[in-house]
Each structure stands twice: as C-alpha cells, then as structure tokens.
C-alpha atoms as a PDB file:
ATOM      1  CA  MET A   1      91.251 122.720  53.316  1.00  0.00           C
ATOM      2  CA  THR A   2      91.708 119.936  55.843  1.00  0.00           C
ATOM      3  CA  GLU A   3      95.075 118.288  56.384  1.00  0.00           C
ATOM      4  CA  GLU A   4      93.753 115.103  54.772  1.00  0.00           C
ATOM      5  CA  GLU A   5      92.524 117.011  51.685  1.00  0.00           C
ATOM      6  CA  ASN A   6      95.836 118.833  51.460  1.00  0.00           C
ATOM      7  CA  GLU A   7      97.652 115.490  51.283  1.00  0.00           C
ATOM      8  CA  HIS A   8      95.802 114.775  48.019  1.00  0.00           C
ATOM      9  CA  ASP A   9      96.617 118.166  46.458  1.00  0.00           C
ATOM     10  CA  LEU A  10      98.770 117.626  43.365  1.00  0.00           C
ATOM     11  CA  SER A  11     100.704 120.819  44.019  1.00  0.00           C
ATOM     12  CA  ASN A  12     101.538 119.870  47.599  1.00  0.00           C
ATOM     13  CA  ARG A  13     105.193 119.010  48.174  1.00  0.00           C
ATOM     14  CA  ARG A  14     105.842 115.370  49.005  1.00  0.00           C
ATOM     15  CA  PHE A  15     109.034 115.834  50.976  1.00  0.00           C
ATOM     16  CA  TYR A  16     108.990 117.445  54.391  1.00  0.00           C
ATOM     17  CA  PRO A  17     110.839 120.789  54.614  1.00  0.00           C
ATOM     18  CA  ALA A  18     114.226 120.898  56.298  1.00  0.00           C
ATOM     19  CA  SER A  19     112.732 122.732  59.286  1.00  0.00           C
ATOM     20  CA  VAL A  20     110.535 119.722  60.063  1.00  0.00           C
ATOM     21  CA  GLU A  21     113.421 117.290  59.710  1.00  0.00           C
ATOM     22  CA  ALA A  22     115.550 119.485  61.976  1.00  0.00           C
ATOM     23  CA  LYS A  23     112.938 119.334  64.743  1.00  0.00           C
ATOM     24  CA  THR A  24     112.673 115.589  64.307  1.00  0.00           C
ATOM     25  CA  ALA A  25     116.432 115.182  64.629  1.00  0.00           C
ATOM     26  CA  VAL A  26     116.745 117.138  67.879  1.00  0.00           C
ATOM     27  CA  SER A  27     113.676 115.537  69.455  1.00  0.00           C
ATOM     28  CA  MET A  28     114.860 111.954  69.116  1.00  0.00           C
ATOM     29  CA  PRO A  29     114.533 110.474  72.621  1.00  0.00           C
ATOM     30  CA  LYS A  30     116.939 107.596  72.143  1.00  0.00           C
ATOM     31  CA  GLN A  31     120.477 108.501  73.237  1.00  0.00           C
ATOM     32  CA  THR A  32     123.282 106.176  72.197  1.00  0.00           C
ATOM     33  CA  PRO A  33     127.009 106.590  71.547  1.00  0.00           C
ATOM     34  CA  GLN A  34     126.123 106.776  67.866  1.00  0.00           C
ATOM     35  CA  THR A  35     123.442 109.475  68.144  1.00  0.00           C
ATOM     36  CA  ARG A  36     125.558 111.562  70.527  1.00  0.00           C
ATOM     37  CA  HIS A  37     128.549 111.653  68.221  1.00  0.00           C
ATOM     38  CA  PRO A  38     128.975 114.830  66.059  1.00  0.00           C
ATOM     39  CA  ALA A  39     129.118 112.652  62.951  1.00  0.00           C
ATOM     40  CA  TYR A  40     125.403 111.912  63.414  1.00  0.00           C
ATOM     41  CA  ARG A  41     124.298 115.545  63.335  1.00  0.00           C
ATOM     42  CA  LEU A  42     122.437 116.788  60.292  1.00  0.00           C
ATOM     43  CA  ALA A  43     125.053 118.587  58.209  1.00  0.00           C
ATOM     44  CA  PHE A  44     123.203 121.917  58.224  1.00  0.00           C
ATOM     45  CA  GLN A  45     122.895 121.801  62.040  1.00  0.00           C
ATOM     46  CA  ASP A  46     126.524 120.947  62.630  1.00  0.00           C
ATOM     47  CA  ASP A  47     128.371 124.206  63.376  1.00  0.00           C
ATOM     48  CA  ASP A  48     131.720 122.478  63.698  1.00  0.00           C
ATOM     49  CA  PHE A  49     131.282 121.027  60.228  1.00  0.00           C
ATOM     50  CA  LEU A  50     130.063 124.297  58.656  1.00  0.00           C
ATOM     51  CA  LEU A  51     133.063 126.151  60.079  1.00  0.00           C
ATOM     52  CA  ARG A  52     135.635 123.780  58.599  1.00  0.00           C
ATOM     53  CA  GLU A  53     138.209 125.231  56.206  1.00  0.00           C
ATOM     54  CA  GLU A  54     136.829 123.158  53.327  1.00  0.00           C
ATOM     55  CA  LEU A  55     133.363 124.707  53.771  1.00  0.00           C
ATOM     56  CA  ARG A  56     134.483 128.258  52.975  1.00  0.00           C
ATOM     57  CA  PRO A  57     132.816 128.177  49.512  1.00  0.00           C
ATOM     58  CA  VAL A  58     129.538 127.200  51.167  1.00  0.00           C
ATOM     59  CA  ARG A  59     129.845 130.047  53.686  1.00  0.00           C
ATOM     60  CA  PHE A  60     130.507 132.441  50.792  1.00  0.00           C
ATOM     61  CA  GLN A  61     127.304 131.275  49.160  1.00  0.00           C
ATOM     62  CA  LEU A  62     125.320 131.667  52.377  1.00  0.00           C
ATOM     63  CA  GLU A  63     126.529 135.249  52.873  1.00  0.00           C
ATOM     64  CA  LEU A  64     125.598 136.008  49.287  1.00  0.00           C
ATOM     65  CA  LEU A  65     122.172 134.383  49.488  1.00  0.00           C
ATOM     66  CA  LYS A  66     120.826 135.456  52.883  1.00  0.00           C
ATOM     67  CA  PRO A  67     120.861 139.264  52.407  1.00  0.00           C
ATOM     68  CA  GLU A  68     119.855 138.922  48.755  1.00  0.00           C
ATOM     69  CA  MET A  69     116.790 136.857  49.604  1.00  0.00           C
ATOM     70  CA  LEU A  70     115.710 139.043  52.526  1.00  0.00           C
ATOM     71  CA  LEU A  71     116.162 142.288  50.581  1.00  0.00           C
ATOM     72  CA  GLU A  72     114.137 140.843  47.726  1.00  0.00           C
ATOM     73  CA  GLU A  73     111.392 139.773  50.123  1.00  0.00           C
ATOM     74  CA  ALA A  74     111.432 143.271  51.670  1.00  0.00           C
ATOM     75  CA  GLY A  75     110.742 144.868  48.286  1.00  0.00           C
ATOM     76  CA  VAL A  76     114.048 146.754  48.083  1.00  0.00           C
ATOM     77  CA  GLY A  77     114.621 147.623  44.437  1.00  0.00           C
ATOM     78  CA  SER A  78     117.678 149.854  44.682  1.00  0.00           C
ATOM     79  CA  THR A  79     119.813 151.626  47.257  1.00  0.00           C
ATOM     80  CA  LEU A  80     121.667 154.846  47.933  1.00  0.00           C
ATOM     81  CA  VAL A  81     124.836 153.643  49.618  1.00  0.00           C
ATOM     82  CA  MET A  82     126.538 155.968  52.080  1.00  0.00           C
ATOM     83  CA  TYR A  83     130.193 155.389  53.064  1.00  0.00           C
ATOM     84  CA  GLY A  84     132.070 157.352  55.699  1.00  0.00           C
ATOM     85  CA  SER A  85     134.037 157.473  58.922  1.00  0.00           C
ATOM     86  CA  ALA A  86     133.056 155.711  62.140  1.00  0.00           C
ATOM     87  CA  ARG A  87     134.822 158.459  64.128  1.00  0.00           C
ATOM     88  CA  ILE A  88     133.342 161.801  63.100  1.00  0.00           C
ATOM     89  CA  PRO A  89     131.143 163.151  65.931  1.00  0.00           C
ATOM     90  CA  SER A  90     127.667 164.557  65.564  1.00  0.00           C
ATOM     91  CA  PRO A  91     127.406 168.355  65.934  1.00  0.00           C
ATOM     92  CA  ALA A  92     126.002 167.775  69.430  1.00  0.00           C
ATOM     93  CA  GLN A  93     129.026 165.656  70.411  1.00  0.00           C
ATOM     94  CA  ALA A  94     131.737 167.737  68.749  1.00  0.00           C
ATOM     95  CA  GLU A  95     132.316 170.245  71.545  1.00  0.00           C
ATOM     96  CA  LEU A  96     132.429 167.487  74.178  1.00  0.00           C
ATOM     97  CA  LEU A  97     134.952 165.516  72.113  1.00  0.00           C
ATOM     98  CA  VAL A  98     137.348 168.462  72.080  1.00  0.00           C
ATOM     99  CA  ALA A  99     136.789 169.280  75.738  1.00  0.00           C
ATOM    100  CA  ASN A 100     137.583 165.712  76.857  1.00  0.00           C
ATOM    101  CA  ALA A 101     140.559 165.144  74.555  1.00  0.00           C
ATOM    102  CA  PRO A 102     143.981 164.772  76.232  1.00  0.00           C
ATOM    103  CA  ALA A 103     146.496 167.478  75.384  1.00  0.00           C
ATOM    104  CA  ASP A 104     148.404 165.331  72.874  1.00  0.00           C
ATOM    105  CA  ARG A 105     145.157 164.517  71.006  1.00  0.00           C
ATOM    106  CA  LYS A 106     143.533 167.951  71.155  1.00  0.00           C
ATOM    107  CA  ALA A 107     144.476 168.908  67.584  1.00  0.00           C
ATOM    108  CA  VAL A 108     143.098 165.634  66.209  1.00  0.00           C
ATOM    109  CA  ALA A 109     139.876 166.058  68.199  1.00  0.00           C
ATOM    110  CA  GLU A 110     139.482 169.554  66.800  1.00  0.00           C
ATOM    111  CA  LYS A 111     139.877 168.280  63.236  1.00  0.00           C
ATOM    112  CA  LEU A 112     137.262 165.594  63.834  1.00  0.00           C
ATOM    113  CA  ALA A 113     134.939 168.180  65.384  1.00  0.00           C
ATOM    114  CA  GLU A 114     135.322 170.391  62.304  1.00  0.00           C
ATOM    115  CA  LYS A 115     134.025 167.510  60.206  1.00  0.00           C
ATOM    116  CA  SER A 116     130.842 167.166  62.265  1.00  0.00           C
ATOM    117  CA  LYS A 117     129.136 169.154  59.502  1.00  0.00           C
ATOM    118  CA  TYR A 118     129.394 166.009  57.371  1.00  0.00           C
ATOM    119  CA  TYR A 119     127.507 164.051  60.024  1.00  0.00           C
ATOM    120  CA  GLN A 120     124.738 166.598  59.561  1.00  0.00           C
ATOM    121  CA  GLU A 121     124.882 166.382  55.753  1.00  0.00           C
ATOM    122  CA  ALA A 122     124.767 162.570  55.881  1.00  0.00           C
ATOM    123  CA  TYR A 123     121.658 162.867  58.050  1.00  0.00           C
ATOM    124  CA  ASN A 124     120.177 165.438  55.675  1.00  0.00           C
ATOM    125  CA  LEU A 125     120.821 163.253  52.630  1.00  0.00           C
ATOM    126  CA  GLY A 126     119.384 160.146  54.283  1.00  0.00           C
ATOM    127  CA  ARG A 127     116.250 162.057  55.210  1.00  0.00           C
ATOM    128  CA  LEU A 128     115.877 163.980  51.950  1.00  0.00           C
ATOM    129  CA  VAL A 129     116.128 160.901  49.740  1.00  0.00           C
ATOM    130  CA  SER A 130     113.915 158.798  52.018  1.00  0.00           C
ATOM    131  CA  GLU A 131     111.216 161.463  51.963  1.00  0.00           C
ATOM    132  CA  LYS A 132     111.099 161.165  48.174  1.00  0.00           C
ATOM    133  CA  ALA A 133     109.675 157.645  48.730  1.00  0.00           C
ATOM    134  CA  ILE A 134     110.308 156.642  45.112  1.00  0.00           C
ATOM    135  CA  VAL A 135     108.642 153.397  44.064  1.00  0.00           C
ATOM    136  CA  GLU A 136     109.169 151.749  40.699  1.00  0.00           C
ATOM    137  CA  ASP A 137     107.912 148.354  39.537  1.00  0.00           C
ATOM    138  CA  GLY A 138     106.375 147.911  42.979  1.00  0.00           C
ATOM    139  CA  LYS A 139     109.732 148.177  44.736  1.00  0.00           C
ATOM    140  CA  ARG A 140     111.275 150.931  46.841  1.00  0.00           C
ATOM    141  CA  GLN A 141     114.114 152.782  45.194  1.00  0.00           C
ATOM    142  CA  PHE A 142     117.114 154.573  46.727  1.00  0.00           C
ATOM    143  CA  VAL A 143     116.679 152.852  50.091  1.00  0.00           C
ATOM    144  CA  ILE A 144     119.420 154.164  52.373  1.00  0.00           C
ATOM    145  CA  CYS A 145     122.179 151.604  52.947  1.00  0.00           C
ATOM    146  CA  SER A 146     125.106 152.138  55.321  1.00  0.00           C
ATOM    147  CA  GLY A 147     127.745 150.018  57.007  1.00  0.00           C
ATOM    148  CA  GLY A 148     125.417 149.893  59.998  1.00  0.00           C
ATOM    149  CA  GLY A 149     127.895 151.370  62.476  1.00  0.00           C
ATOM    150  CA  PRO A 150     128.296 154.728  64.245  1.00  0.00           C
ATOM    151  CA  SER A 151     129.080 158.260  63.040  1.00  0.00           C
ATOM    152  CA  ILE A 152     128.422 158.882  59.321  1.00  0.00           C
ATOM    153  CA  MET A 153     126.714 155.494  59.041  1.00  0.00           C
ATOM    154  CA  GLU A 154     124.464 156.258  61.983  1.00  0.00           C
ATOM    155  CA  ALA A 155     123.624 159.670  60.528  1.00  0.00           C
ATOM    156  CA  ALA A 156     122.494 158.096  57.246  1.00  0.00           C
ATOM    157  CA  ASN A 157     120.193 155.599  58.963  1.00  0.00           C
ATOM    158  CA  HIS A 158     118.982 158.272  61.400  1.00  0.00           C
ATOM    159  CA  GLY A 159     117.908 160.519  58.550  1.00  0.00           C
ATOM    160  CA  ALA A 160     115.956 157.709  56.915  1.00  0.00           C
ATOM    161  CA  SER A 161     114.340 156.767  60.232  1.00  0.00           C
ATOM    162  CA  ASP A 162     113.206 160.346  60.881  1.00  0.00           C
ATOM    163  CA  ALA A 163     111.631 160.343  57.422  1.00  0.00           C
ATOM    164  CA  GLY A 164     109.608 157.288  58.455  1.00  0.00           C
ATOM    165  CA  ALA A 165     111.502 155.057  56.030  1.00  0.00           C
ATOM    166  CA  GLU A 166     113.281 151.750  56.357  1.00  0.00           C
ATOM    167  CA  SER A 167     117.034 151.575  55.888  1.00  0.00           C
ATOM    168  CA  ILE A 168     119.726 148.924  55.601  1.00  0.00           C
ATOM    169  CA  GLY A 169     122.808 148.253  57.718  1.00  0.00           C
ATOM    170  CA  LEU A 170     125.582 145.936  56.519  1.00  0.00           C
ATOM    171  CA  ASN A 171     127.686 145.278  59.596  1.00  0.00           C
ATOM    172  CA  ILE A 172     130.911 143.309  59.704  1.00  0.00           C
ATOM    173  CA  ALA A 173     132.103 141.033  62.506  1.00  0.00           C
ATOM    174  CA  LEU A 174     135.287 142.622  63.892  1.00  0.00           C
ATOM    175  CA  PRO A 175     137.616 141.791  66.803  1.00  0.00           C
ATOM    176  CA  HIS A 176     136.342 144.908  68.564  1.00  0.00           C
ATOM    177  CA  GLU A 177     132.589 145.282  68.963  1.00  0.00           C
ATOM    178  CA  GLN A 178     130.674 146.980  66.161  1.00  0.00           C
ATOM    179  CA  ALA A 179     127.009 146.806  67.085  1.00  0.00           C
ATOM    180  CA  PRO A 180     124.398 148.031  64.595  1.00  0.00           C
ATOM    181  CA  ASN A 181     123.314 151.599  65.229  1.00  0.00           C
ATOM    182  CA  SER A 182     119.793 151.912  66.634  1.00  0.00           C
ATOM    183  CA  TYR A 183     118.334 153.507  63.473  1.00  0.00           C
ATOM    184  CA  VAL A 184     118.819 150.523  61.146  1.00  0.00           C
ATOM    185  CA  THR A 185     115.572 148.712  60.376  1.00  0.00           C
ATOM    186  CA  PRO A 186     115.890 145.482  62.416  1.00  0.00           C
ATOM    187  CA  TYR A 187     114.896 143.106  59.616  1.00  0.00           C
ATOM    188  CA  LEU A 188     117.298 144.879  57.242  1.00  0.00           C
ATOM    189  CA  SER A 189     120.239 144.651  59.644  1.00  0.00           C
ATOM    190  CA  PHE A 190     122.813 142.142  58.418  1.00  0.00           C
ATOM    191  CA  GLN A 191     126.163 140.913  59.711  1.00  0.00           C
ATOM    192  CA  PHE A 192     128.995 139.605  57.544  1.00  0.00           C
ATOM    193  CA  HIS A 193     132.116 137.603  58.185  1.00  0.00           C
ATOM    194  CA  TYR A 194     133.628 138.209  54.744  1.00  0.00           C
ATOM    195  CA  PHE A 195     134.498 141.755  53.693  1.00  0.00           C
ATOM    196  CA  ALA A 196     134.302 140.688  50.046  1.00  0.00           C
ATOM    197  CA  LEU A 197     130.685 139.566  50.307  1.00  0.00           C
ATOM    198  CA  ARG A 198     129.732 142.668  52.284  1.00  0.00           C
ATOM    199  CA  LYS A 199     131.264 144.907  49.617  1.00  0.00           C
ATOM    200  CA  MET A 200     129.426 142.981  46.922  1.00  0.00           C
ATOM    201  CA  HIS A 201     126.092 143.594  48.661  1.00  0.00           C
ATOM    202  CA  PHE A 202     126.879 147.296  48.990  1.00  0.00           C
ATOM    203  CA  LEU A 203     126.979 147.571  45.210  1.00  0.00           C
ATOM    204  CA  LEU A 204     124.551 144.939  43.884  1.00  0.00           C
ATOM    205  CA  ARG A 205     121.556 147.256  44.340  1.00  0.00           C
ATOM    206  CA  ALA A 206     123.380 150.597  44.444  1.00  0.00           C
ATOM    207  CA  ARG A 207     122.069 153.249  42.067  1.00  0.00           C
ATOM    208  CA  ALA A 208     124.132 156.005  43.700  1.00  0.00           C
ATOM    209  CA  VAL A 209     126.939 156.156  46.280  1.00  0.00           C
ATOM    210  CA  ALA A 210     127.734 159.046  48.610  1.00  0.00           C
ATOM    211  CA  VAL A 211     131.246 159.027  50.082  1.00  0.00           C
ATOM    212  CA  PHE A 212     131.998 161.150  53.132  1.00  0.00           C
ATOM    213  CA  PRO A 213     135.376 161.757  54.812  1.00  0.00           C
ATOM    214  CA  GLY A 214     136.731 158.522  56.249  1.00  0.00           C
ATOM    215  CA  GLY A 215     139.715 156.271  56.782  1.00  0.00           C
ATOM    216  CA  PHE A 216     141.077 153.057  55.304  1.00  0.00           C
ATOM    217  CA  GLY A 217     137.673 151.384  55.018  1.00  0.00           C
ATOM    218  CA  THR A 218     136.068 154.319  53.245  1.00  0.00           C
ATOM    219  CA  LEU A 219     139.070 154.684  50.926  1.00  0.00           C
ATOM    220  CA  ASP A 220     138.964 150.973  50.133  1.00  0.00           C
ATOM    221  CA  GLU A 221     135.270 151.014  49.245  1.00  0.00           C
ATOM    222  CA  PHE A 222     135.502 154.273  47.291  1.00  0.00           C
ATOM    223  CA  LEU A 223     138.536 153.301  45.219  1.00  0.00           C
ATOM    224  CA  GLU A 224     137.174 149.833  44.504  1.00  0.00           C
ATOM    225  CA  LEU A 225     133.943 151.408  43.248  1.00  0.00           C
ATOM    226  CA  LEU A 226     135.880 153.767  40.948  1.00  0.00           C
ATOM    227  CA  THR A 227     137.948 150.823  39.678  1.00  0.00           C
ATOM    228  CA  LEU A 228     134.825 148.795  38.869  1.00  0.00           C
ATOM    229  CA  ILE A 229     133.377 151.664  36.846  1.00  0.00           C
ATOM    230  CA  GLN A 230     136.714 152.628  35.261  1.00  0.00           C
ATOM    231  CA  THR A 231     137.337 149.078  34.048  1.00  0.00           C
ATOM    232  CA  GLY A 232     133.815 148.569  32.752  1.00  0.00           C
ATOM    233  CA  LYS A 233     132.935 145.857  35.257  1.00  0.00           C
ATOM    234  CA  MET A 234     130.104 148.051  36.529  1.00  0.00           C
ATOM    235  CA  LYS A 235     127.864 150.530  34.720  1.00  0.00           C
ATOM    236  CA  PRO A 236     128.365 154.176  35.723  1.00  0.00           C
ATOM    237  CA  ILE A 237     126.302 155.474  38.637  1.00  0.00           C
ATOM    238  CA  PRO A 238     126.445 158.809  40.468  1.00  0.00           C
ATOM    239  CA  VAL A 239     129.425 158.779  42.862  1.00  0.00           C
ATOM    240  CA  LEU A 240     129.173 161.776  45.186  1.00  0.00           C
ATOM    241  CA  LEU A 241     132.318 162.764  47.060  1.00  0.00           C
ATOM    242  CA  PHE A 242     131.681 165.003  50.075  1.00  0.00           C
ATOM    243  CA  GLY A 243     134.496 167.120  51.497  1.00  0.00           C
ATOM    244  CA  LYS A 244     136.790 168.409  48.755  1.00  0.00           C
ATOM    245  CA  GLU A 245     139.131 170.085  51.235  1.00  0.00           C
ATOM    246  CA  PHE A 246     139.598 166.813  53.137  1.00  0.00           C
ATOM    247  CA  TRP A 247     139.924 164.485  50.139  1.00  0.00           C
ATOM    248  CA  THR A 248     142.317 166.636  48.109  1.00  0.00           C
ATOM    249  CA  ARG A 249     144.562 166.849  51.183  1.00  0.00           C
ATOM    250  CA  VAL A 250     144.741 163.096  51.764  1.00  0.00           C
ATOM    251  CA  VAL A 251     144.593 161.919  48.111  1.00  0.00           C
ATOM    252  CA  ASN A 252     146.209 163.801  45.231  1.00  0.00           C
ATOM    253  CA  PHE A 253     143.807 162.800  42.465  1.00  0.00           C
ATOM    254  CA  GLU A 254     145.266 165.289  40.000  1.00  0.00           C
ATOM    255  CA  ALA A 255     148.752 163.832  40.514  1.00  0.00           C
ATOM    256  CA  LEU A 256     147.502 160.396  39.463  1.00  0.00           C
ATOM    257  CA  ALA A 257     146.407 161.882  36.133  1.00  0.00           C
ATOM    258  CA  GLU A 258     149.592 163.932  35.756  1.00  0.00           C
ATOM    259  CA  GLU A 259     151.693 160.818  36.386  1.00  0.00           C
ATOM    260  CA  GLY A 260     149.738 158.992  33.696  1.00  0.00           C
ATOM    261  CA  THR A 261     148.550 156.192  35.976  1.00  0.00           C
ATOM    262  CA  ILE A 262     144.920 157.159  35.297  1.00  0.00           C
ATOM    263  CA  ASN A 263     143.342 159.081  32.431  1.00  0.00           C
ATOM    264  CA  PRO A 264     142.281 162.686  33.071  1.00  0.00           C
ATOM    265  CA  ALA A 265     138.732 161.611  32.163  1.00  0.00           C
ATOM    266  CA  ASP A 266     138.760 159.221  35.142  1.00  0.00           C
ATOM    267  CA  LEU A 267     138.488 162.255  37.411  1.00  0.00           C
ATOM    268  CA  ASP A 268     134.958 162.669  36.065  1.00  0.00           C
ATOM    269  CA  LEU A 269     133.867 159.341  37.570  1.00  0.00           C
ATOM    270  CA  PHE A 270     132.880 161.179  40.750  1.00  0.00           C
ATOM    271  CA  ARG A 271     131.210 164.498  41.552  1.00  0.00           C
ATOM    272  CA  TRP A 272     132.241 166.858  44.339  1.00  0.00           C
ATOM    273  CA  CYS A 273     129.449 167.694  46.804  1.00  0.00           C
ATOM    274  CA  GLU A 274     129.125 169.673  49.993  1.00  0.00           C
ATOM    275  CA  THR A 275     125.394 169.486  50.712  1.00  0.00           C
ATOM    276  CA  ALA A 276     122.643 166.892  50.568  1.00  0.00           C
ATOM    277  CA  GLU A 277     120.779 169.065  48.075  1.00  0.00           C
ATOM    278  CA  ASP A 278     123.796 169.089  45.719  1.00  0.00           C
ATOM    279  CA  ALA A 279     123.994 165.310  45.922  1.00  0.00           C
ATOM    280  CA  TRP A 280     120.311 164.702  45.262  1.00  0.00           C
ATOM    281  CA  CYS A 281     120.245 167.099  42.312  1.00  0.00           C
ATOM    282  CA  HIS A 282     123.105 165.199  40.681  1.00  0.00           C
ATOM    283  CA  ILE A 283     121.313 161.878  41.263  1.00  0.00           C
ATOM    284  CA  ALA A 284     118.072 163.340  39.914  1.00  0.00           C
ATOM    285  CA  GLU A 285     119.837 164.704  36.834  1.00  0.00           C
ATOM    286  CA  PHE A 286     121.473 161.331  36.158  1.00  0.00           C
ATOM    287  CA  TYR A 287     118.167 159.442  36.364  1.00  0.00           C
ATOM    288  CA  ASP A 288     115.951 162.186  34.883  1.00  0.00           C
ATOM    289  CA  LEU A 289     114.057 162.708  38.144  1.00  0.00           C
ATOM    290  CA  GLU A 290     112.717 165.877  39.737  1.00  0.00           C
ATOM    291  CA  CYS A 291     115.412 167.657  41.738  1.00  0.00           C
END
C-alpha cells in the first residue's frame, strides 16, 4: 500500500504518534527566548518536570506500566521468583574469599563460604525449571526472575542461561552501584527507582517463590510475601525456603506461634527445601505437573 492509499484507509490513525511529534519538537530550527525556555518543552520530554515532587504518581504509573508491557510483549506468562543474598560466593569463589579475608572478618568469610552450596542450588533450580520449558496458552511459564544482581540472583539467571532460556532481572537504583548480572536477558532487564513497584512486579506473575539465605532485603521480600498470603490479599503459591539451619537461627518462627502472634497453621505457608529437586517436586505437586 502506498503512502497516499494509506491516508485513505479508514483504520489508519489520524493523529501523529508522540514519537513523530517529539522529533518535530527537537528539530525546530528557529531559536528564540521562548523556544529555549524549559516551559516550552513537550511535557513528556521535560526531565525536570517529570522529576518534580508532584509527578510522583505519574512515575509510579510508569514503573508499573513499562515492565508489565514489555513482559507481556515477550510472552512471559508466569515466573519462578528467586530471592537471596547478594553476598554469598559461588563455590569457585568461596576458598578465595576466606583466604583474602582480614583476621577480624575470617569467621564471617567462613560462614559465607559455607553457604556457597546455596549458590549452586540456586543455579541448579534456575536450570532445572528452565529446561522444563513449560508453555501454556502460548506463553512461557515459570520464567526465572531474580533481583538482577550478584550472588544468589546471578546463580538463578546463570542456570536459566545455561539451559538456553530467557530470564528476568529486576534491578533497583541504589547509592552504590548494582549493575545487572551478565546472565539476565537484556530485553528483560529492568531498573526501578521505587522498591514498592519492584516488589509488586516480583509477585504479579509469580507462581512460585524460592527464598535462599539472605539479609534485610531477602527478609523483607519473604515476610511481605507470607503476609500477603496469610491475610488473603494473594492466593497461595509454593513458597520454598532453602537453608533450614540458617533461617531457624536468625528467625524463630516457632516462637512467633508460641507467643500467639501468628497461628500455628501459618508455619505451613512455606516449605523447607535443601535441593533444587525438592523445590521443583513441591511446585509440580502444587500445580499437578510431572516432577
């Protein structure tokens, strides 16, 4: 169809898209005090305007919409979310971490090195689930989704990559650099300003969540997930908690029930796991899939 014929097509849009108008605005040759002033900029091209305090609701909406639209376009139906520490070394790095640790940090380095087995299990789970290559309603299911950073997050994306599968990374802009790990699929690598919107995207498509040993961030995400299920704001999904020895040392779950601040049945909201195979079998049992 020629351009002239297209102009007579009833289904053809009559207004030019914003991308065309944006090019027109920046290509205007005439420079005057009026056109040079920030007030004259198109609103959606004016960073100073978009970053104003009053525009926070708009920025919320943008952080909700952008990943949602791109994940939908990528055919991602559901995810297996994997939370965990950014500090646990890989098995290959564990010995070096201990060897290079100063004397006053040697014990901490040794504890981190002991947890390198969870780096391996995160890799194993990412690979195992990705190799299943489950497709339903034309969309990929249980796509691996991590926080996009190093350590446990890297292991999850690495496992998916070695299985020849795409995976998601939801990074957060922090004062110290947190670059996406190299195993995240580039067009599924997102960056957030707002923790709240990032956490929402972790769970919007989640059909299972694996939680590995971690710090404040992992605890925050894990406990918020349990709260959403406990309060009925979210339907139950498999929540797989790796590292019973670690978690029962840092959080006394049983004491919460004994003190009456949670119901004993709330302890059944998650399942203890130590291996990727354990985790997948629980997911498969929950969704009536082959283990």
